[in-house]
Amino acid sequence: MNLNRIKEIIKKGLKRFMKVVVNLFCNKLFHRMLYIISISVVVKITMDINLYISILKY
């Protein structure tokens, strides 16, 4: 194997590795955003329900 061939193999490996890392990072970020959005929606709904109940009591 000559030096250029080794360089090509390393470049291809690095590209593939970076693709995997970027995909994993984006998926984690996406799941975290979904998690935060769902939590905020649940909190908003419970606050609205509590407000509604307190209005009904008075």
C-alpha atoms as a PDB file:
ATOM      1  CA  MET A   1       0.000   0.000   0.000  1.00  0.00           C
ATOM      2  CA  ASN A   2       1.337   3.408  -0.881  1.00  0.00           C
ATOM      3  CA  LEU A   3       0.896   6.541   1.195  1.00  0.00           C
ATOM      4  CA  ASN A   4      -1.867   8.077  -0.956  1.00  0.00           C
ATOM      5  CA  ARG A   5      -4.009   4.952  -0.637  1.00  0.00           C
ATOM      6  CA  ILE A   6      -3.670   5.039   3.149  1.00  0.00           C
ATOM      7  CA  LYS A   7      -4.612   8.733   3.183  1.00  0.00           C
ATOM      8  CA  GLU A   8      -7.733   8.026   1.097  1.00  0.00           C
ATOM      9  CA  ILE A   9      -8.824   5.234   3.450  1.00  0.00           C
ATOM     10  CA  ILE A  10      -8.321   7.478   6.484  1.00  0.00           C
ATOM     11  CA  LYS A  11     -10.275  10.318   4.852  1.00  0.00           C
ATOM     12  CA  LYS A  12     -13.192   8.014   4.003  1.00  0.00           C
ATOM     13  CA  GLY A  13     -13.202   6.596   7.525  1.00  0.00           C
ATOM     14  CA  LEU A  14     -13.179  10.052   9.062  1.00  0.00           C
ATOM     15  CA  LYS A  15     -16.029  11.227   6.829  1.00  0.00           C
ATOM     16  CA  ARG A  16     -18.135   8.218   7.779  1.00  0.00           C
ATOM     17  CA  PHE A  17     -17.292   8.670  11.466  1.00  0.00           C
ATOM     18  CA  MET A  18     -18.217  12.369  11.372  1.00  0.00           C
ATOM     19  CA  LYS A  19     -21.526  11.548   9.674  1.00  0.00           C
ATOM     20  CA  VAL A  20     -22.394   9.093  12.446  1.00  0.00           C
ATOM     21  CA  VAL A  21     -21.408  11.575  15.168  1.00  0.00           C
ATOM     22  CA  VAL A  22     -23.426  14.399  13.590  1.00  0.00           C
ATOM     23  CA  ASN A  23     -26.472  12.143  13.171  1.00  0.00           C
ATOM     24  CA  LEU A  24     -26.291  10.997  16.798  1.00  0.00           C
ATOM     25  CA  PHE A  25     -25.878  14.579  18.031  1.00  0.00           C
ATOM     26  CA  CYS A  26     -28.811  15.857  15.936  1.00  0.00           C
ATOM     27  CA  ASN A  27     -31.039  13.000  17.103  1.00  0.00           C
ATOM     28  CA  LYS A  28     -30.180  13.695  20.743  1.00  0.00           C
ATOM     29  CA  LEU A  29     -30.846  17.406  20.264  1.00  0.00           C
ATOM     30  CA  PHE A  30     -34.162  16.658  18.525  1.00  0.00           C
ATOM     31  CA  HIS A  31     -35.285  14.298  21.307  1.00  0.00           C
ATOM     32  CA  ARG A  32     -34.306  16.832  23.968  1.00  0.00           C
ATOM     33  CA  MET A  33     -36.295  19.573  22.198  1.00  0.00           C
ATOM     34  CA  LEU A  34     -39.334  17.289  21.925  1.00  0.00           C
ATOM     35  CA  TYR A  35     -38.985  16.431  25.628  1.00  0.00           C
ATOM     36  CA  ILE A  36     -38.817  20.107  26.640  1.00  0.00           C
ATOM     37  CA  ILE A  37     -41.776  21.036  24.415  1.00  0.00           C
ATOM     38  CA  SER A  38     -43.940  18.211  25.777  1.00  0.00           C
ATOM     39  CA  ILE A  39     -43.089  19.147  29.380  1.00  0.00           C
ATOM     40  CA  SER A  40     -43.974  22.804  28.777  1.00  0.00           C
ATOM     41  CA  VAL A  41     -47.278  21.805  27.145  1.00  0.00           C
ATOM     42  CA  VAL A  42     -48.187  19.583  30.106  1.00  0.00           C
ATOM     43  CA  VAL A  43     -47.311  22.357  32.571  1.00  0.00           C
ATOM     44  CA  LYS A  44     -49.427  24.854  30.621  1.00  0.00           C
ATOM     45  CA  ILE A  45     -52.416  22.496  30.547  1.00  0.00           C
ATOM     46  CA  THR A  46     -52.218  21.794  34.289  1.00  0.00           C
ATOM     47  CA  MET A  47     -51.942  25.529  35.025  1.00  0.00           C
ATOM     48  CA  ASP A  48     -55.008  26.214  32.874  1.00  0.00           C
ATOM     49  CA  ILE A  49     -56.955  23.460  34.632  1.00  0.00           C
ATOM     50  CA  ASN A  50     -55.983  24.820  38.061  1.00  0.00           C
ATOM     51  CA  LEU A  51     -57.019  28.322  37.010  1.00  0.00           C
ATOM     52  CA  TYR A  52     -60.347  27.010  35.696  1.00  0.00           C
ATOM     53  CA  ILE A  53     -61.021  25.100  38.935  1.00  0.00           C
ATOM     54  CA  SER A  54     -60.180  28.122  41.083  1.00  0.00           C
ATOM     55  CA  ILE A  55     -62.526  30.291  38.989  1.00  0.00           C
ATOM     56  CA  LEU A  56     -65.320  27.724  39.358  1.00  0.00           C
ATOM     57  CA  LYS A  57     -64.888  27.640  43.146  1.00  0.00           C
ATOM     58  CA  TYR A  58     -65.492  31.380  43.515  1.00  0.00           C
END
